[in-house]
Amino acid sequence: MTKALIIVDVQNDFVEGGSLAVNGGLSVAKRLVEHLVLDAHQEEYDLIVTTQDWHKANCSNGGHIAIPPNEPDFVDSWPAHCISGTSGADFAPPLAQVIDSGELRVDAKFLKGHGMPAYSGFEGLEVTTGETLADFLRKVSKPSELVVDVVGIATDYCVKETAYDAVRNDFTTRVLTDFVAGINATSVESFYKEAKLITFASR
């Protein structure tokens, strides 16, 4: 079996101090570095890919970002976050350092939400080739022979939708619960209870 890891949206605006901070986001970044780099578990994966929110500036991005005087409802519209080319869209430390230094191998990076709402990493395009995440993974392995692990932020939004799309693409899918952070405890619990064909594992 081929194993792939999808690291979802571990970005500055989604960790403590960011414009759309998720409690525990920075801890996710630290634990990923410890697990993948310091403890060398990245060697277990044939592929490691990242996703990033990458929204347009001064634009509602299809209603996804509330432009003043409009207020975000925190369901379908949100404060400005992860604007392309800003520090808020960058990977959060210490994840950024190990990616930049090459200590963490990243085989492909996918950007999503440029001018439109996008929660799933499968809605993004690879930064150099422009291919979708599904096409990238299918190029490497048959769906029946691929196991996808999903980690990152936020459990009840982008992690959830990425995991659902992995299932829709017929990949065996796991969410590693030691390496996620969610916005709302109730919606996280609902995801864990109601998700079909997704395995939830600690690591």
Protein backbone atom coordinates (compact mmCIF):
# COMPACT_ATOMS: atom_id res chain seq x y z
CA MET A 1 0.00 0.00 0.00
CA THR A 2 1.07 3.58 -0.72
CA LYS A 3 0.75 6.02 2.19
CA ALA A 4 0.13 9.76 1.82
CA LEU A 5 -0.07 12.48 4.46
CA ILE A 6 -2.14 15.62 3.84
CA ILE A 7 -1.25 18.51 6.17
CA VAL A 8 -4.23 20.86 6.04
CA ASP A 9 -3.96 24.63 6.53
CA VAL A 10 -1.43 24.84 9.38
CA GLN A 11 -1.09 28.59 8.76
CA ASN A 12 -0.39 31.65 10.88
CA ASP A 13 -3.92 33.02 10.67
CA PHE A 14 -5.32 29.74 12.03
CA VAL A 15 -3.08 29.49 15.10
CA GLU A 16 -3.06 31.55 18.28
CA GLY A 17 -2.52 35.23 17.44
CA GLY A 18 -3.93 34.89 13.92
CA SER A 19 -6.97 36.64 12.50
CA LEU A 20 -9.05 33.44 12.65
CA ALA A 21 -7.22 31.65 15.45
CA VAL A 22 -8.12 28.10 16.47
CA ASN A 23 -7.24 27.11 20.02
CA GLY A 24 -4.56 24.45 19.92
CA GLY A 25 -3.41 25.35 16.42
CA LEU A 26 0.16 26.15 17.40
CA SER A 27 0.32 22.93 19.40
CA VAL A 28 -0.66 21.02 16.26
CA ALA A 29 2.26 22.59 14.39
CA LYS A 30 4.68 21.68 17.19
CA ARG A 31 3.42 18.11 17.52
CA LEU A 32 3.65 17.56 13.78
CA VAL A 33 7.28 18.65 13.78
CA GLU A 34 8.07 16.40 16.73
CA HIS A 35 6.31 13.42 15.17
CA LEU A 36 7.44 13.79 11.57
CA VAL A 37 10.92 15.28 11.93
CA LEU A 38 12.31 14.67 15.42
CA ASP A 39 10.82 11.17 15.67
CA ALA A 40 11.37 10.53 11.94
CA HIS A 41 7.85 9.29 11.20
CA GLN A 42 7.87 11.13 7.88
CA GLU A 43 9.74 8.10 6.56
CA GLU A 44 6.50 6.11 6.88
CA TYR A 45 4.93 8.15 4.07
CA ASP A 46 5.52 7.79 0.37
CA LEU A 47 4.01 11.25 -0.16
CA ILE A 48 3.61 14.32 2.04
CA VAL A 49 1.53 17.23 0.74
CA THR A 50 0.33 20.49 2.25
CA THR A 51 -2.71 22.66 1.66
CA GLN A 52 -3.08 26.39 2.31
CA ASP A 53 -5.98 28.81 2.24
CA TRP A 54 -4.92 31.45 -0.29
CA HIS A 55 -7.56 34.15 -0.58
CA LYS A 56 -7.60 37.31 -2.69
CA ALA A 57 -7.08 40.66 -0.98
CA ASN A 58 -9.86 43.28 -0.85
CA CYS A 59 -12.37 40.74 -2.06
CA SER A 60 -15.19 38.77 -0.45
CA ASN A 61 -13.89 35.64 -2.20
CA GLY A 62 -17.40 34.63 -3.18
CA GLY A 63 -18.93 35.66 0.14
CA HIS A 64 -16.39 33.67 2.17
CA ILE A 65 -14.83 36.80 3.72
CA ALA A 66 -17.00 39.52 5.26
CA ILE A 67 -16.00 42.92 3.90
CA PRO A 68 -16.82 45.81 6.31
CA PRO A 69 -19.38 47.05 7.14
CA ASN A 70 -20.64 43.48 6.80
CA GLU A 71 -20.00 41.28 9.82
CA PRO A 72 -18.93 37.63 9.58
CA ASP A 73 -21.45 35.03 10.73
CA PHE A 74 -18.71 32.47 11.47
CA VAL A 75 -20.69 29.83 9.59
CA ASP A 76 -20.44 30.80 5.93
CA SER A 77 -18.56 34.10 6.21
CA TRP A 78 -15.40 34.87 8.14
CA PRO A 79 -13.00 37.69 9.01
CA ALA A 80 -10.25 38.31 6.46
CA HIS A 81 -7.69 35.51 6.75
CA CYS A 82 -4.91 33.81 4.81
CA ILE A 83 -4.65 36.56 2.20
CA SER A 84 -2.25 35.48 -0.53
CA GLY A 85 1.25 36.86 -0.09
CA THR A 86 0.76 37.90 3.55
CA SER A 87 2.38 36.42 6.63
CA GLY A 88 -1.03 35.18 7.78
CA ALA A 89 -1.10 32.77 4.84
CA ASP A 90 2.37 31.39 5.62
CA PHE A 91 2.88 28.09 7.40
CA ALA A 92 2.94 28.46 11.18
CA PRO A 93 6.19 28.02 13.08
CA PRO A 94 7.80 25.63 13.77
CA LEU A 95 6.33 23.87 10.73
CA ALA A 96 7.51 26.67 8.46
CA GLN A 97 11.11 26.29 9.57
CA VAL A 98 11.36 22.57 8.87
CA ILE A 99 9.67 22.96 5.49
CA ASP A 100 11.95 25.85 4.51
CA SER A 101 15.06 24.00 5.70
CA GLY A 102 14.10 20.79 3.94
CA GLU A 103 14.05 18.81 7.18
CA LEU A 104 10.43 17.96 6.39
CA ARG A 105 9.96 16.58 2.90
CA VAL A 106 6.99 18.11 1.09
CA ASP A 107 6.24 16.57 -2.27
CA ALA A 108 3.53 19.01 -3.35
CA LYS A 109 1.80 22.18 -2.11
CA PHE A 110 -1.83 22.98 -2.92
CA LEU A 111 -3.39 26.45 -2.68
CA LYS A 112 -7.17 26.86 -2.39
CA GLY A 113 -9.84 29.54 -2.12
CA HIS A 114 -8.34 32.16 -4.43
CA GLY A 115 -11.46 34.23 -5.09
CA MET A 116 -13.94 31.64 -3.84
CA PRO A 117 -14.91 29.62 -0.77
CA ALA A 118 -12.90 26.40 -0.50
CA TYR A 119 -12.65 24.15 2.52
CA SER A 120 -11.34 20.88 1.10
CA GLY A 121 -7.73 20.51 0.07
CA PHE A 122 -9.07 18.69 -2.97
CA GLU A 123 -10.39 22.05 -4.22
CA GLY A 124 -6.86 23.43 -4.41
CA LEU A 125 -4.33 23.47 -7.22
CA GLU A 126 -0.66 22.51 -6.98
CA VAL A 127 1.60 25.57 -6.99
CA THR A 128 3.85 24.52 -9.87
CA THR A 129 1.81 22.11 -12.01
CA GLY A 130 -1.72 23.41 -11.46
CA GLU A 131 -3.06 19.88 -11.01
CA THR A 132 -5.65 18.94 -8.42
CA LEU A 133 -4.86 16.92 -5.33
CA ALA A 134 -6.97 14.02 -6.61
CA ASP A 135 -5.08 13.94 -9.91
CA PHE A 136 -1.75 14.15 -8.09
CA LEU A 137 -2.57 11.21 -5.83
CA ARG A 138 -4.09 9.09 -8.60
CA LYS A 139 -0.95 9.62 -10.66
CA VAL A 140 1.06 7.92 -7.93
CA SER A 141 -1.26 5.11 -6.90
CA LYS A 142 -4.53 3.38 -7.67
CA PRO A 143 -7.20 4.53 -5.18
CA SER A 144 -7.59 0.98 -3.87
CA GLU A 145 -3.89 0.90 -3.01
CA LEU A 146 -3.61 4.30 -1.29
CA VAL A 147 -4.02 5.14 2.39
CA VAL A 148 -4.46 8.85 3.12
CA ASP A 149 -3.83 10.34 6.57
CA VAL A 150 -5.31 13.81 7.17
CA VAL A 151 -4.07 16.23 9.85
CA GLY A 152 -4.24 19.98 10.47
CA ILE A 153 -6.70 22.81 11.08
CA ALA A 154 -9.63 23.04 11.57
CA THR A 155 -11.01 19.61 12.41
CA ASP A 156 -14.65 20.56 11.83
CA TYR A 157 -14.08 22.51 8.61
CA CYS A 158 -11.11 22.01 6.30
CA VAL A 159 -9.84 18.76 7.83
CA LYS A 160 -13.35 17.32 7.69
CA GLU A 161 -14.02 18.36 4.09
CA THR A 162 -10.60 17.15 2.95
CA ALA A 163 -11.22 13.77 4.59
CA TYR A 164 -14.69 13.51 3.03
CA ASP A 165 -13.27 14.27 -0.41
CA ALA A 166 -10.56 11.65 0.08
CA VAL A 167 -13.32 9.11 0.71
CA ARG A 168 -15.26 10.35 -2.34
CA ASN A 169 -12.14 9.67 -4.39
CA ASP A 170 -12.10 6.08 -3.08
CA PHE A 171 -8.98 6.48 -0.95
CA THR A 172 -8.72 4.66 2.37
CA THR A 173 -8.89 7.63 4.75
CA ARG A 174 -7.79 8.26 8.32
CA VAL A 175 -7.88 11.42 10.45
CA LEU A 176 -5.07 11.46 13.01
CA THR A 177 -6.70 13.04 16.05
CA ASP A 178 -3.42 13.81 17.85
CA PHE A 179 -2.61 16.30 15.11
CA VAL A 180 -5.81 18.32 14.62
CA ALA A 181 -7.45 21.33 16.28
CA GLY A 182 -11.13 22.22 15.96
CA ILE A 183 -13.24 25.35 16.25
CA ASN A 184 -16.30 23.97 18.01
CA ALA A 185 -16.22 20.94 20.31
CA THR A 186 -19.79 19.97 19.45
CA SER A 187 -19.25 19.99 15.69
CA VAL A 188 -15.97 18.11 16.10
CA GLU A 189 -17.75 15.42 18.11
CA SER A 190 -20.50 15.22 15.48
CA PHE A 191 -17.90 14.72 12.77
CA TYR A 192 -16.27 11.91 14.73
CA LYS A 193 -19.60 10.20 15.34
CA GLU A 194 -21.25 10.65 11.96
CA ALA A 195 -18.43 10.28 9.44
CA LYS A 196 -18.73 7.23 7.24
CA LEU A 197 -15.74 5.30 5.90
CA ILE A 198 -13.25 7.46 7.83
CA THR A 199 -11.05 5.95 10.53
CA PHE A 200 -10.11 8.15 13.48
CA ALA A 201 -6.77 7.19 15.01
CA SER A 202 -4.48 8.86 17.52
CA ARG A 203 -1.44 8.54 15.25
